[in-house]
Every structure is written in C-alpha cells, then in structure tokens.
Amino acid sequence: MEDAHPLIRELFPGLMAELVSCLEAEGEAELAISVRDVRLYQWCGCGDDFCQSFRTAPPPDGAYGPGYRNVSLNSERGYLILDVVRDQIMFVEVLYYPDLRDA
C-alpha cells in the first residue's frame, strides 16, 4: 500500500530539503532524519488557496491525544508546521508556500 502514498522527498525535493534544514536548526535532529520517510497520504481538504497541507498518515478518530506536539518551523518561504505524535510526523501544514501541487 506504500506505493499508493508517494514519498515526499521524491515529489517535492525542495520542500524536503527545507524541512530537514529547518528541523536541524530547531534542534530536532531525530525528526530531521525521520522526515525522509514521510509519505503523502492525503491532501488537506480545506479548500483554501493558500493551503497545501497534507496528512502523512491516516487521521485519528478524534484528537491526537497523549504524545502530541506541534513543531513550528522558521521557513523563509511560508509557514511550515508539523503535527507530531510520539515522534512520528502525522500532518504537515504548508501555508503561503510556493505551489507544490503543480510540481
């Protein structure tokens, strides 16, 4: 089933490089390593034209619960915010960022 969910590093190498760089700058070395295996599970369905956020895993039935944290990254090209649960990236908020969907 992994074939149905492509690797972000193959789809958007520029975004991948920026995520790694920003995570390392924030002292998030373990997440910087794990981001290489992140897959595009599902695009955000909000419909906002400035949003290119995506899920990297199936959504929970409710709230993320224990072990959840939010990692806001200092990007120069837009907003990058990660939802992380027990050190697994579950959702990547990509706001006001150069267009990914045309890539």
PDB file of N, CA and C in Angstrom:
ATOM      1  N   MET A   1       0.808  -1.199   0.000  1.00  0.00           N
ATOM      2  CA  MET A   1       0.000   0.000   0.000  1.00  0.00           C
ATOM      3  C   MET A   1       0.853   1.265   0.000  1.00  0.00           C
ATOM      4  N   GLU A   2       2.149   1.120   0.323  1.00  0.00           N
ATOM      5  CA  GLU A   2       3.020   2.283   0.333  1.00  0.00           C
ATOM      6  C   GLU A   2       3.148   2.913  -1.050  1.00  0.00           C
ATOM      7  N   ASP A   3       3.023   2.114  -2.112  1.00  0.00           N
ATOM      8  CA  ASP A   3       3.105   2.651  -3.461  1.00  0.00           C
ATOM      9  C   ASP A   3       2.013   3.672  -3.731  1.00  0.00           C
ATOM     10  N   ALA A   4       0.859   3.505  -3.066  1.00  0.00           N
ATOM     11  CA  ALA A   4      -0.254   4.437  -3.241  1.00  0.00           C
ATOM     12  C   ALA A   4       0.026   5.775  -2.569  1.00  0.00           C
ATOM     13  N   HIS A   5       1.015   5.815  -1.694  1.00  0.00           N
ATOM     14  CA  HIS A   5       1.359   7.029  -0.953  1.00  0.00           C
ATOM     15  C   HIS A   5       2.825   7.355  -1.208  1.00  0.00           C
ATOM     16  N   PRO A   6       3.081   8.225  -2.187  1.00  0.00           N
ATOM     17  CA  PRO A   6       4.473   8.509  -2.589  1.00  0.00           C
ATOM     18  C   PRO A   6       5.269   9.245  -1.513  1.00  0.00           C
ATOM     19  N   LEU A   7       6.560   9.045  -1.550  1.00  0.00           N
ATOM     20  CA  LEU A   7       7.475   9.726  -0.642  1.00  0.00           C
ATOM     21  C   LEU A   7       7.535  11.210  -0.974  1.00  0.00           C
ATOM     22  N   ILE A   8       7.492  12.033   0.058  1.00  0.00           N
ATOM     23  CA  ILE A   8       7.574  13.482  -0.123  1.00  0.00           C
ATOM     24  C   ILE A   8       8.913  13.862  -0.752  1.00  0.00           C
ATOM     25  N   ARG A   9       9.972  13.163  -0.373  1.00  0.00           N
ATOM     26  CA  ARG A   9      11.301  13.503  -0.918  1.00  0.00           C
ATOM     27  C   ARG A   9      11.356  13.311  -2.428  1.00  0.00           C
ATOM     28  N   GLU A  10      10.566  12.393  -2.965  1.00  0.00           N
ATOM     29  CA  GLU A  10      10.537  12.181  -4.413  1.00  0.00           C
ATOM     30  C   GLU A  10       9.622  13.176  -5.120  1.00  0.00           C
ATOM     31  N   LEU A  11       8.536  13.555  -4.470  1.00  0.00           N
ATOM     32  CA  LEU A  11       7.596  14.506  -5.065  1.00  0.00           C
ATOM     33  C   LEU A  11       8.097  15.943  -5.002  1.00  0.00           C
ATOM     34  N   PHE A  12       8.603  16.321  -3.836  1.00  0.00           N
ATOM     35  CA  PHE A  12       8.971  17.719  -3.571  1.00  0.00           C
ATOM     36  C   PHE A  12      10.343  17.810  -2.913  1.00  0.00           C
ATOM     37  N   PRO A  13      11.404  17.591  -3.686  1.00  0.00           N
ATOM     38  CA  PRO A  13      12.746  17.607  -3.079  1.00  0.00           C
ATOM     39  C   PRO A  13      13.102  18.943  -2.433  1.00  0.00           C
ATOM     40  N   GLY A  14      12.610  20.039  -2.979  1.00  0.00           N
ATOM     41  CA  GLY A  14      12.891  21.348  -2.382  1.00  0.00           C
ATOM     42  C   GLY A  14      12.247  21.502  -1.017  1.00  0.00           C
ATOM     43  N   LEU A  15      11.007  21.068  -0.901  1.00  0.00           N
ATOM     44  CA  LEU A  15      10.328  21.100   0.390  1.00  0.00           C
ATOM     45  C   LEU A  15      11.049  20.192   1.380  1.00  0.00           C
ATOM     46  N   MET A  16      11.448  19.018   0.920  1.00  0.00           N
ATOM     47  CA  MET A  16      12.152  18.077   1.788  1.00  0.00           C
ATOM     48  C   MET A  16      13.442  18.701   2.327  1.00  0.00           C
ATOM     49  N   ALA A  17      14.211  19.322   1.463  1.00  0.00           N
ATOM     50  CA  ALA A  17      15.458  19.955   1.895  1.00  0.00           C
ATOM     51  C   ALA A  17      15.184  21.050   2.921  1.00  0.00           C
ATOM     52  N   GLU A  18      14.131  21.819   2.696  1.00  0.00           N
ATOM     53  CA  GLU A  18      13.810  22.889   3.637  1.00  0.00           C
ATOM     54  C   GLU A  18      13.335  22.325   4.975  1.00  0.00           C
ATOM     55  N   LEU A  19      12.520  21.279   4.946  1.00  0.00           N
ATOM     56  CA  LEU A  19      12.078  20.658   6.195  1.00  0.00           C
ATOM     57  C   LEU A  19      13.278  20.161   7.003  1.00  0.00           C
ATOM     58  N   VAL A  20      14.190  19.471   6.348  1.00  0.00           N
ATOM     59  CA  VAL A  20      15.380  18.957   7.039  1.00  0.00           C
ATOM     60  C   VAL A  20      16.189  20.103   7.627  1.00  0.00           C
ATOM     61  N   SER A  21      16.446  21.132   6.835  1.00  0.00           N
ATOM     62  CA  SER A  21      17.235  22.274   7.294  1.00  0.00           C
ATOM     63  C   SER A  21      16.574  22.975   8.480  1.00  0.00           C
ATOM     64  N   CYS A  22      15.274  23.211   8.383  1.00  0.00           N
ATOM     65  CA  CYS A  22      14.549  23.883   9.463  1.00  0.00           C
ATOM     66  C   CYS A  22      14.511  23.028  10.729  1.00  0.00           C
ATOM     67  N   LEU A  23      14.296  21.736  10.572  1.00  0.00           N
ATOM     68  CA  LEU A  23      14.270  20.847  11.734  1.00  0.00           C
ATOM     69  C   LEU A  23      15.628  20.807  12.429  1.00  0.00           C
ATOM     70  N   GLU A  24      16.698  20.735  11.654  1.00  0.00           N
ATOM     71  CA  GLU A  24      18.035  20.745  12.243  1.00  0.00           C
ATOM     72  C   GLU A  24      18.294  22.059  12.979  1.00  0.00           C
ATOM     73  N   ALA A  25      17.854  23.182  12.393  1.00  0.00           N
ATOM     74  CA  ALA A  25      18.041  24.488  13.023  1.00  0.00           C
ATOM     75  C   ALA A  25      17.260  24.599  14.333  1.00  0.00           C
ATOM     76  N   GLU A  26      16.160  23.880  14.442  1.00  0.00           N
ATOM     77  CA  GLU A  26      15.340  23.896  15.665  1.00  0.00           C
ATOM     78  C   GLU A  26      15.806  22.862  16.688  1.00  0.00           C
ATOM     79  N   GLY A  27      16.877  22.126  16.384  1.00  0.00           N
ATOM     80  CA  GLY A  27      17.375  21.114  17.305  1.00  0.00           C
ATOM     81  C   GLY A  27      16.565  19.826  17.272  1.00  0.00           C
ATOM     82  N   GLU A  28      15.861  19.601  16.188  1.00  0.00           N
ATOM     83  CA  GLU A  28      15.005  18.417  16.022  1.00  0.00           C
ATOM     84  C   GLU A  28      15.697  17.403  15.106  1.00  0.00           C
ATOM     85  N   ALA A  29      16.880  16.959  15.510  1.00  0.00           N
ATOM     86  CA  ALA A  29      17.687  16.063  14.672  1.00  0.00           C
ATOM     87  C   ALA A  29      16.962  14.759  14.347  1.00  0.00           C
ATOM     88  N   GLU A  30      16.275  14.180  15.306  1.00  0.00           N
ATOM     89  CA  GLU A  30      15.580  12.904  15.059  1.00  0.00           C
ATOM     90  C   GLU A  30      14.450  13.071  14.045  1.00  0.00           C
ATOM     91  N   LEU A  31      13.699  14.164  14.150  1.00  0.00           N
ATOM     92  CA  LEU A  31      12.648  14.412  13.162  1.00  0.00           C
ATOM     93  C   LEU A  31      13.246  14.713  11.792  1.00  0.00           C
ATOM     94  N   ALA A  32      14.395  15.390  11.768  1.00  0.00           N
ATOM     95  CA  ALA A  32      15.064  15.685  10.502  1.00  0.00           C
ATOM     96  C   ALA A  32      15.433  14.394   9.776  1.00  0.00           C
ATOM     97  N   ILE A  33      15.813  13.381  10.523  1.00  0.00           N
ATOM     98  CA  ILE A  33      16.134  12.085   9.926  1.00  0.00           C
ATOM     99  C   ILE A  33      14.860  11.373   9.471  1.00  0.00           C
ATOM    100  N   SER A  34      13.843  11.389  10.321  1.00  0.00           N
ATOM    101  CA  SER A  34      12.614  10.643  10.018  1.00  0.00           C
ATOM    102  C   SER A  34      11.804  11.253   8.881  1.00  0.00           C
ATOM    103  N   VAL A  35      11.989  12.532   8.608  1.00  0.00           N
ATOM    104  CA  VAL A  35      11.196  13.192   7.570  1.00  0.00           C
ATOM    105  C   VAL A  35      11.492  12.604   6.183  1.00  0.00           C
ATOM    106  N   ARG A  36      12.636  11.966   6.024  1.00  0.00           N
ATOM    107  CA  ARG A  36      12.968  11.353   4.732  1.00  0.00           C
ATOM    108  C   ARG A  36      12.005  10.237   4.352  1.00  0.00           C
ATOM    109  N   ASP A  37      11.348   9.638   5.335  1.00  0.00           N
ATOM    110  CA  ASP A  37      10.427   8.535   5.064  1.00  0.00           C
ATOM    111  C   ASP A  37       8.959   8.954   5.070  1.00  0.00           C
ATOM    112  N   VAL A  38       8.711  10.244   5.156  1.00  0.00           N
ATOM    113  CA  VAL A  38       7.334  10.751   5.187  1.00  0.00           C
ATOM    114  C   VAL A  38       6.695  10.604   3.808  1.00  0.00           C
ATOM    115  N   ARG A  39       5.455  10.135   3.816  1.00  0.00           N
ATOM    116  CA  ARG A  39       4.693   9.931   2.577  1.00  0.00           C
ATOM    117  C   ARG A  39       3.497  10.869   2.523  1.00  0.00           C
ATOM    118  N   LEU A  40       3.090  11.194   1.320  1.00  0.00           N
ATOM    119  CA  LEU A  40       1.877  11.987   1.140  1.00  0.00           C
ATOM    120  C   LEU A  40       0.695  11.025   1.192  1.00  0.00           C
ATOM    121  N   TYR A  41      -0.001  11.049   2.313  1.00  0.00           N
ATOM    122  CA  TYR A  41      -1.140  10.158   2.500  1.00  0.00           C
ATOM    123  C   TYR A  41      -2.402  10.772   1.904  1.00  0.00           C
ATOM    124  N   GLN A  42      -2.608  12.089   2.169  1.00  0.00           N
ATOM    125  CA  GLN A  42      -3.828  12.756   1.707  1.00  0.00           C
ATOM    126  C   GLN A  42      -3.644  14.267   1.802  1.00  0.00           C
ATOM    127  N   TRP A  43      -4.063  14.981   0.762  1.00  0.00           N
ATOM    128  CA  TRP A  43      -4.044  16.443   0.799  1.00  0.00           C
ATOM    129  C   TRP A  43      -5.082  16.934   1.791  1.00  0.00           C
ATOM    130  N   CYS A  44      -4.832  18.076   2.387  1.00  0.00           N
ATOM    131  CA  CYS A  44      -5.809  18.745   3.243  1.00  0.00           C
ATOM    132  C   CYS A  44      -7.013  19.100   2.366  1.00  0.00           C
ATOM    133  N   GLY A  45      -8.177  18.970   2.876  1.00  0.00           N
ATOM    134  CA  GLY A  45      -9.383  19.237   2.089  1.00  0.00           C
ATOM    135  C   GLY A  45     -10.055  20.549   2.429  1.00  0.00           C
ATOM    136  N   CYS A  46      -9.330  21.484   3.033  1.00  0.00           N
ATOM    137  CA  CYS A  46      -9.966  22.733   3.480  1.00  0.00           C
ATOM    138  C   CYS A  46     -10.424  23.613   2.318  1.00  0.00           C
ATOM    139  N   GLY A  47      -9.740  23.539   1.173  1.00  0.00           N
ATOM    140  CA  GLY A  47     -10.127  24.339   0.019  1.00  0.00           C
ATOM    141  C   GLY A  47      -9.532  25.739  -0.026  1.00  0.00           C
ATOM    142  N   ASP A  48      -8.790  26.138   1.000  1.00  0.00           N
ATOM    143  CA  ASP A  48      -8.162  27.462   0.987  1.00  0.00           C
ATOM    144  C   ASP A  48      -7.038  27.489  -0.038  1.00  0.00           C
ATOM    145  N   ASP A  49      -6.976  28.562  -0.841  1.00  0.00           N
ATOM    146  CA  ASP A  49      -5.979  28.621  -1.910  1.00  0.00           C
ATOM    147  C   ASP A  49      -4.555  28.782  -1.402  1.00  0.00           C
ATOM    148  N   PHE A  50      -4.374  29.206  -0.164  1.00  0.00           N
ATOM    149  CA  PHE A  50      -3.037  29.377   0.404  1.00  0.00           C
ATOM    150  C   PHE A  50      -2.540  28.125   1.128  1.00  0.00           C
ATOM    151  N   CYS A  51      -3.389  27.101   1.181  1.00  0.00           N
ATOM    152  CA  CYS A  51      -3.061  25.892   1.938  1.00  0.00           C
ATOM    153  C   CYS A  51      -2.664  24.753   1.007  1.00  0.00           C
ATOM    154  N   GLN A  52      -1.520  24.143   1.304  1.00  0.00           N
ATOM    155  CA  GLN A  52      -1.051  22.957   0.599  1.00  0.00           C
ATOM    156  C   GLN A  52      -0.655  21.890   1.611  1.00  0.00           C
ATOM    157  N   SER A  53      -1.361  21.897   2.723  1.00  0.00           N
ATOM    158  CA  SER A  53      -1.075  20.972   3.814  1.00  0.00           C
ATOM    159  C   SER A  53      -1.468  19.558   3.429  1.00  0.00           C
ATOM    160  N   PHE A  54      -0.852  18.588   4.118  1.00  0.00           N
ATOM    161  CA  PHE A  54      -1.147  17.193   3.795  1.00  0.00           C
ATOM    162  C   PHE A  54      -0.945  16.288   5.002  1.00  0.00           C
ATOM    163  N   ARG A  55      -1.680  15.208   4.988  1.00  0.00           N
ATOM    164  CA  ARG A  55      -1.546  14.161   6.001  1.00  0.00           C
ATOM    165  C   ARG A  55      -0.428  13.219   5.565  1.00  0.00           C
ATOM    166  N   THR A  56       0.269  12.685   6.545  1.00  0.00           N
ATOM    167  CA  THR A  56       1.328  11.714   6.264  1.00  0.00           C
ATOM    168  C   THR A  56       0.956  10.332   6.797  1.00  0.00           C
ATOM    169  N   ALA A  57      -0.229  10.254   7.396  1.00  0.00           N
ATOM    170  CA  ALA A  57      -0.747   9.014   7.961  1.00  0.00           C
ATOM    171  C   ALA A  57      -2.261   9.164   8.070  1.00  0.00           C
ATOM    172  N   PRO A  58      -2.980   8.075   8.261  1.00  0.00           N
ATOM    173  CA  PRO A  58      -4.428   8.183   8.426  1.00  0.00           C
ATOM    174  C   PRO A  58      -4.773   9.096   9.603  1.00  0.00           C
ATOM    175  N   PRO A  59      -5.852   9.856   9.484  1.00  0.00           N
ATOM    176  CA  PRO A  59      -6.241  10.746  10.594  1.00  0.00           C
ATOM    177  C   PRO A  59      -6.774   9.936  11.779  1.00  0.00           C
ATOM    178  N   PRO A  60      -6.630  10.474  12.974  1.00  0.00           N
ATOM    179  CA  PRO A  60      -7.183   9.787  14.144  1.00  0.00           C
ATOM    180  C   PRO A  60      -8.706   9.929  14.153  1.00  0.00           C
ATOM    181  N   ASP A  61      -9.371   9.105  14.949  1.00  0.00           N
ATOM    182  CA  ASP A  61     -10.823   9.206  15.080  1.00  0.00           C
ATOM    183  C   ASP A  61     -11.240  10.462  15.825  1.00  0.00           C
ATOM    184  N   GLY A  62     -10.390  10.953  16.662  1.00  0.00           N
ATOM    185  CA  GLY A  62     -10.659  12.173  17.427  1.00  0.00           C
ATOM    186  C   GLY A  62      -9.394  12.996  17.496  1.00  0.00           C
ATOM    187  N   ALA A  63      -9.111  13.494  18.682  1.00  0.00           N
ATOM    188  CA  ALA A  63      -7.881  14.253  18.895  1.00  0.00           C
ATOM    189  C   ALA A  63      -6.679  13.307  18.872  1.00  0.00           C
ATOM    190  N   TYR A  64      -5.503  13.872  18.625  1.00  0.00           N
ATOM    191  CA  TYR A  64      -4.287  13.044  18.613  1.00  0.00           C
ATOM    192  C   TYR A  64      -4.012  12.407  19.970  1.00  0.00           C
ATOM    193  N   GLY A  65      -4.315  13.095  21.039  1.00  0.00           N
ATOM    194  CA  GLY A  65      -4.152  12.517  22.370  1.00  0.00           C
ATOM    195  C   GLY A  65      -2.738  12.621  22.909  1.00  0.00           C
ATOM    196  N   PRO A  66      -2.398  11.738  23.868  1.00  0.00           N
ATOM    197  CA  PRO A  66      -1.081  11.797  24.516  1.00  0.00           C
ATOM    198  C   PRO A  66       0.058  11.646  23.506  1.00  0.00           C
ATOM    199  N   GLY A  67       1.130  12.370  23.779  1.00  0.00           N
ATOM    200  CA  GLY A  67       2.300  12.285  22.915  1.00  0.00           C
ATOM    201  C   GLY A  67       2.261  13.264  21.752  1.00  0.00           C
ATOM    202  N   TYR A  68       1.184  14.065  21.661  1.00  0.00           N
ATOM    203  CA  TYR A  68       1.062  15.041  20.566  1.00  0.00           C
ATOM    204  C   TYR A  68       1.854  16.298  20.878  1.00  0.00           C
ATOM    205  N   ARG A  69       2.510  16.812  19.844  1.00  0.00           N
ATOM    206  CA  ARG A  69       3.140  18.136  19.936  1.00  0.00           C
ATOM    207  C   ARG A  69       3.127  18.790  18.571  1.00  0.00           C
ATOM    208  N   ASN A  70       3.236  20.083  18.584  1.00  0.00           N
ATOM    209  CA  ASN A  70       3.218  20.900  17.392  1.00  0.00           C
ATOM    210  C   ASN A  70       4.611  21.499  17.223  1.00  0.00           C
ATOM    211  N   VAL A  71       5.200  21.368  16.025  1.00  0.00           N
ATOM    212  CA  VAL A  71       6.538  21.901  15.768  1.00  0.00           C
ATOM    213  C   VAL A  71       6.431  22.951  14.664  1.00  0.00           C
ATOM    214  N   SER A  72       6.593  24.200  15.053  1.00  0.00           N
ATOM    215  CA  SER A  72       6.543  25.317  14.110  1.00  0.00           C
ATOM    216  C   SER A  72       7.966  25.595  13.623  1.00  0.00           C
ATOM    217  N   LEU A  73       8.130  25.627  12.300  1.00  0.00           N
ATOM    218  CA  LEU A  73       9.465  25.790  11.723  1.00  0.00           C
ATOM    219  C   LEU A  73       9.652  27.195  11.173  1.00  0.00           C
ATOM    220  N   ASN A  74      10.859  27.674  11.229  1.00  0.00           N
ATOM    221  CA  ASN A  74      11.199  29.011  10.762  1.00  0.00           C
ATOM    222  C   ASN A  74      11.580  28.954   9.283  1.00  0.00           C
ATOM    223  N   SER A  75      10.564  28.981   8.429  1.00  0.00           N
ATOM    224  CA  SER A  75      10.771  28.935   6.988  1.00  0.00           C
ATOM    225  C   SER A  75      10.771  30.351   6.418  1.00  0.00           C
ATOM    226  N   GLU A  76      11.601  30.580   5.425  1.00  0.00           N
ATOM    227  CA  GLU A  76      11.644  31.897   4.786  1.00  0.00           C
ATOM    228  C   GLU A  76      10.633  32.019   3.643  1.00  0.00           C
ATOM    229  N   ARG A  77      10.008  30.879   3.255  1.00  0.00           N
ATOM    230  CA  ARG A  77       9.144  30.908   2.075  1.00  0.00           C
ATOM    231  C   ARG A  77       7.666  30.696   2.385  1.00  0.00           C
ATOM    232  N   GLY A  78       7.295  30.555   3.613  1.00  0.00           N
ATOM    233  CA  GLY A  78       5.912  30.320   4.001  1.00  0.00           C
ATOM    234  C   GLY A  78       5.883  29.766   5.408  1.00  0.00           C
ATOM    235  N   TYR A  79       4.763  29.195   5.782  1.00  0.00           N
ATOM    236  CA  TYR A  79       4.622  28.598   7.111  1.00  0.00           C
ATOM    237  C   TYR A  79       4.687  27.083   6.996  1.00  0.00           C
ATOM    238  N   LEU A  80       5.526  26.474   7.792  1.00  0.00           N
ATOM    239  CA  LEU A  80       5.648  25.026   7.880  1.00  0.00           C
ATOM    240  C   LEU A  80       5.465  24.635   9.339  1.00  0.00           C
ATOM    241  N   ILE A  81       4.430  23.853   9.605  1.00  0.00           N
ATOM    242  CA  ILE A  81       4.102  23.451  10.967  1.00  0.00           C
ATOM    243  C   ILE A  81       3.810  21.955  10.945  1.00  0.00           C
ATOM    244  N   LEU A  82       4.435  21.217  11.835  1.00  0.00           N
ATOM    245  CA  LEU A  82       4.267  19.770  11.876  1.00  0.00           C
ATOM    246  C   LEU A  82       3.429  19.359  13.072  1.00  0.00           C
ATOM    247  N   ASP A  83       2.506  18.438  12.858  1.00  0.00           N
ATOM    248  CA  ASP A  83       1.819  17.754  13.948  1.00  0.00           C
ATOM    249  C   ASP A  83       2.564  16.448  14.159  1.00  0.00           C
ATOM    250  N   VAL A  84       3.081  16.257  15.350  1.00  0.00           N
ATOM    251  CA  VAL A  84       3.913  15.101  15.667  1.00  0.00           C
ATOM    252  C   VAL A  84       3.276  14.339  16.830  1.00  0.00           C
ATOM    253  N   VAL A  85       3.160  13.034  16.670  1.00  0.00           N
ATOM    254  CA  VAL A  85       2.634  12.179  17.733  1.00  0.00           C
ATOM    255  C   VAL A  85       3.662  11.086  18.008  1.00  0.00           C
ATOM    256  N   ARG A  86       4.149  11.065  19.240  1.00  0.00           N
ATOM    257  CA  ARG A  86       5.159  10.084  19.650  1.00  0.00           C
ATOM    258  C   ARG A  86       6.293   9.995  18.618  1.00  0.00           C
ATOM    259  N   ASP A  87       6.806  11.158  18.240  1.00  0.00           N
ATOM    260  CA  ASP A  87       7.940  11.301  17.317  1.00  0.00           C
ATOM    261  C   ASP A  87       7.652  10.837  15.895  1.00  0.00           C
ATOM    262  N   GLN A  88       6.386  10.751  15.524  1.00  0.00           N
ATOM    263  CA  GLN A  88       6.015  10.455  14.139  1.00  0.00           C
ATOM    264  C   GLN A  88       5.275  11.663  13.565  1.00  0.00           C
ATOM    265  N   ILE A  89       5.721  12.138  12.408  1.00  0.00           N
ATOM    266  CA  ILE A  89       5.077  13.261  11.743  1.00  0.00           C
ATOM    267  C   ILE A  89       3.761  12.761  11.147  1.00  0.00           C
ATOM    268  N   MET A  90       2.656  13.366  11.580  1.00  0.00           N
ATOM    269  CA  MET A  90       1.331  12.932  11.160  1.00  0.00           C
ATOM    270  C   MET A  90       0.692  13.870  10.137  1.00  0.00           C
ATOM    271  N   PHE A  91       1.060  15.147  10.206  1.00  0.00           N
ATOM    272  CA  PHE A  91       0.450  16.156   9.346  1.00  0.00           C
ATOM    273  C   PHE A  91       1.459  17.266   9.137  1.00  0.00           C
ATOM    274  N   VAL A  92       1.547  17.772   7.916  1.00  0.00           N
ATOM    275  CA  VAL A  92       2.449  18.882   7.598  1.00  0.00           C
ATOM    276  C   VAL A  92       1.593  20.040   7.103  1.00  0.00           C
ATOM    277  N   GLU A  93       1.558  21.107   7.905  1.00  0.00           N
ATOM    278  CA  GLU A  93       0.866  22.317   7.465  1.00  0.00           C
ATOM    279  C   GLU A  93       1.823  23.093   6.576  1.00  0.00           C
ATOM    280  N   VAL A  94       1.372  23.392   5.375  1.00  0.00           N
ATOM    281  CA  VAL A  94       2.153  24.153   4.410  1.00  0.00           C
ATOM    282  C   VAL A  94       1.262  25.312   3.977  1.00  0.00           C
ATOM    283  N   LEU A  95       1.573  26.516   4.467  1.00  0.00           N
ATOM    284  CA  LEU A  95       0.725  27.680   4.221  1.00  0.00           C
ATOM    285  C   LEU A  95       1.527  28.792   3.568  1.00  0.00           C
ATOM    286  N   TYR A  96       0.924  29.432   2.582  1.00  0.00           N
ATOM    287  CA  TYR A  96       1.555  30.556   1.870  1.00  0.00           C
ATOM    288  C   TYR A  96       2.942  30.160   1.336  1.00  0.00           C
ATOM    289  N   TYR A  97       3.057  28.997   0.827  1.00  0.00           N
ATOM    290  CA  TYR A  97       4.312  28.431   0.338  1.00  0.00           C
ATOM    291  C   TYR A  97       4.241  28.360  -1.192  1.00  0.00           C
ATOM    292  N   PRO A  98       5.379  28.391  -1.902  1.00  0.00           N
ATOM    293  CA  PRO A  98       5.328  28.222  -3.363  1.00  0.00           C
ATOM    294  C   PRO A  98       4.564  26.951  -3.726  1.00  0.00           C
ATOM    295  N   ASP A  99       3.895  26.997  -4.844  1.00  0.00           N
ATOM    296  CA  ASP A  99       2.969  25.942  -5.227  1.00  0.00           C
ATOM    297  C   ASP A  99       3.629  24.577  -5.329  1.00  0.00           C
ATOM    298  N   LEU A 100       3.079  23.610  -4.598  1.00  0.00           N
ATOM    299  CA  LEU A 100       3.565  22.233  -4.630  1.00  0.00           C
ATOM    300  C   LEU A 100       2.732  21.381  -5.585  1.00  0.00           C
ATOM    301  N   ARG A 101       1.472  21.687  -5.725  1.00  0.00           N
ATOM    302  CA  ARG A 101       0.575  20.824  -6.474  1.00  0.00           C
ATOM    303  C   ARG A 101       0.868  20.802  -7.971  1.00  0.00           C
ATOM    304  N   ASP A 102       1.547  21.813  -8.463  1.00  0.00           N
ATOM    305  CA  ASP A 102       1.912  21.840  -9.880  1.00  0.00           C
ATOM    306  C   ASP A 102       3.228  21.115 -10.157  1.00  0.00           C
ATOM    307  N   ALA A 103       3.935  20.770  -9.073  1.00  0.00           N
ATOM    308  CA  ALA A 103       5.250  20.130  -9.226  1.00  0.00           C
ATOM    309  C   ALA A 103       5.113  18.704  -9.719  1.00  0.00           C
TER     310      ALA A 103
END
